[in-house]
Protein backbone atom coordinates (compact mmCIF):
# COMPACT_ATOMS: atom_id res chain seq x y z
CA UNK A 1 -0.74 -3.86 12.46
CA UNK A 2 0.28 -1.58 15.25
CA UNK A 3 3.76 -0.30 15.28
CA UNK A 4 3.57 1.93 18.36
CA UNK A 5 5.72 -0.22 20.31
CA UNK A 6 8.56 -0.04 17.82
CA UNK A 7 8.23 3.69 17.24
CA UNK A 8 8.33 4.51 20.98
CA UNK A 9 11.87 3.10 20.98
CA UNK A 10 13.04 5.67 18.26
CA UNK A 11 14.32 9.12 18.89
CA UNK A 12 12.61 12.11 17.28
CA UNK A 13 15.18 12.15 14.29
CA UNK A 14 14.71 8.36 13.79
CA UNK A 15 10.97 8.94 13.66
CA UNK A 16 11.47 11.59 11.07
CA UNK A 17 13.48 9.09 8.99
CA UNK A 18 10.78 6.41 9.27
CA UNK A 19 8.04 8.96 8.21
CA UNK A 20 10.21 10.13 5.24
CA UNK A 21 10.57 6.37 4.24
CA UNK A 22 6.71 5.78 4.33
CA UNK A 23 6.28 9.10 2.44
CA UNK A 24 8.74 7.83 -0.41
CA UNK A 25 7.89 4.13 -0.39
CA UNK A 26 4.36 4.02 0.76
CA UNK A 27 1.25 3.88 -1.36
CA UNK A 28 -0.77 7.03 -2.23
CA UNK A 29 -4.46 6.88 -1.45
CA UNK A 30 -5.25 9.51 -4.06
CA UNK A 31 -3.37 7.56 -6.90
CA UNK A 32 -5.16 4.37 -5.81
CA UNK A 33 -8.56 6.14 -6.14
CA UNK A 34 -7.57 7.74 -9.50
CA UNK A 35 -6.66 4.37 -10.81
CA UNK A 36 -9.64 2.69 -9.42
CA UNK A 37 -11.89 5.32 -10.75
CA UNK A 38 -10.42 5.52 -14.38
CA UNK A 39 -9.11 2.27 -14.88
CA UNK A 40 -10.72 0.00 -12.31
CA UNK A 41 -12.44 -2.33 -14.61
CA UNK A 42 -8.95 -3.40 -15.91
CA UNK A 43 -7.81 -3.91 -12.19
CA UNK A 44 -5.10 -1.08 -12.44
CA UNK A 45 -5.68 -0.24 -8.78
CA UNK A 46 -5.13 -3.91 -7.80
CA UNK A 47 -1.92 -3.86 -9.55
CA UNK A 48 -0.76 -0.71 -7.92
CA UNK A 49 -1.57 -2.32 -4.44
CA UNK A 50 0.41 -5.46 -5.31
CA UNK A 51 -2.70 -7.58 -5.61
CA UNK A 52 -1.47 -8.91 -8.88
CA UNK A 53 -3.48 -12.23 -9.04
CA UNK A 54 -6.87 -10.48 -8.70
CA UNK A 55 -5.76 -7.71 -11.01
CA UNK A 56 -5.06 -10.09 -13.76
CA UNK A 57 -8.44 -11.72 -13.11
CA UNK A 58 -10.16 -8.26 -13.60
CA UNK A 59 -8.21 -7.62 -16.63
CA UNK A 60 -8.94 -10.91 -18.23
CA UNK A 61 -12.59 -10.79 -17.31
CA UNK A 62 -12.94 -7.56 -19.09
CA UNK A 63 -10.79 -8.21 -22.15
CA UNK A 64 -11.86 -11.71 -22.79
CA UNK A 65 -15.60 -10.98 -22.74
CA UNK A 66 -14.98 -8.10 -25.25
CA UNK A 67 -15.97 -5.50 -22.52
CA UNK A 68 -19.34 -7.43 -21.41
CA UNK A 69 -17.52 -8.42 -18.33
CA UNK A 70 -17.27 -4.67 -17.26
CA UNK A 71 -20.57 -5.46 -15.50
CA UNK A 72 -18.83 -7.82 -13.20
CA UNK A 73 -15.50 -5.94 -12.73
CA UNK A 74 -17.56 -2.54 -12.46
CA UNK A 75 -19.30 -4.00 -9.47
CA UNK A 76 -16.10 -5.41 -8.10
CA UNK A 77 -14.30 -2.02 -8.69
CA UNK A 78 -17.17 -0.16 -6.52
CA UNK A 79 -16.61 -2.76 -3.71
CA UNK A 80 -12.75 -1.98 -3.96
CA UNK A 81 -13.29 1.80 -3.53
CA UNK A 82 -14.54 0.93 0.09
CA UNK A 83 -11.48 -1.45 0.61
CA UNK A 84 -8.75 0.88 -0.57
CA UNK A 85 -8.16 2.86 2.57
CA UNK A 86 -7.63 -0.29 4.59
CA UNK A 87 -5.21 -1.50 1.94
CA UNK A 88 -3.33 1.63 2.03
CA UNK A 89 -3.14 1.77 5.88
CA UNK A 90 -1.89 -1.96 5.82
CA UNK A 91 0.71 -1.32 3.03
CA UNK A 92 2.15 1.73 4.85
CA UNK A 93 2.24 0.10 8.28
CA UNK A 94 4.45 -2.70 6.70
CA UNK A 95 6.87 -0.07 5.15
CA UNK A 96 6.95 1.82 8.60
CA UNK A 97 7.57 -1.37 10.48
CA UNK A 98 10.31 -2.37 8.16
CA UNK A 99 11.93 1.26 8.29
CA UNK A 100 11.66 1.19 12.08
CA UNK A 101 13.13 -2.47 12.52
CA UNK A 102 16.11 -1.42 10.22
CA UNK A 103 16.94 1.54 12.27
CA UNK A 104 16.59 -0.39 15.69
CA UNK A 105 18.72 -3.21 14.34
CA UNK A 106 21.53 -0.82 13.02
CA UNK A 107 24.74 -1.58 14.91
CA UNK A 108 25.92 2.05 14.46
CA UNK A 109 22.79 3.19 16.38
CA UNK A 110 24.19 1.66 19.61
CA UNK A 111 27.48 3.57 19.21
CA UNK A 112 25.42 6.85 18.66
CA UNK A 113 23.44 6.14 21.83
CA UNK A 114 26.55 5.86 23.95
């Protein structure tokens, strides 16, 4: 998702506001990796990323098989380690787009520009 068109319409101060919103509401790569490494077989990183359905699947596979399912969820977790950067980028782009659109659609913005 490319937000360059929206961001080019913003002033420098508005871009700073967008960046601060991404920092506060966006997802953290470090946290996602920590969750994946230490609690990945339980799907914790997927819950954090908003992928609740597959997070529940990982959790149930691990718990209902009395831990033997960790072989499956462990492999799944290793694959996820390579997918996390894309998920973070996509999630933060959504936050960035939402913040930029909110600023651009603000009626008071027009009054400030005049």
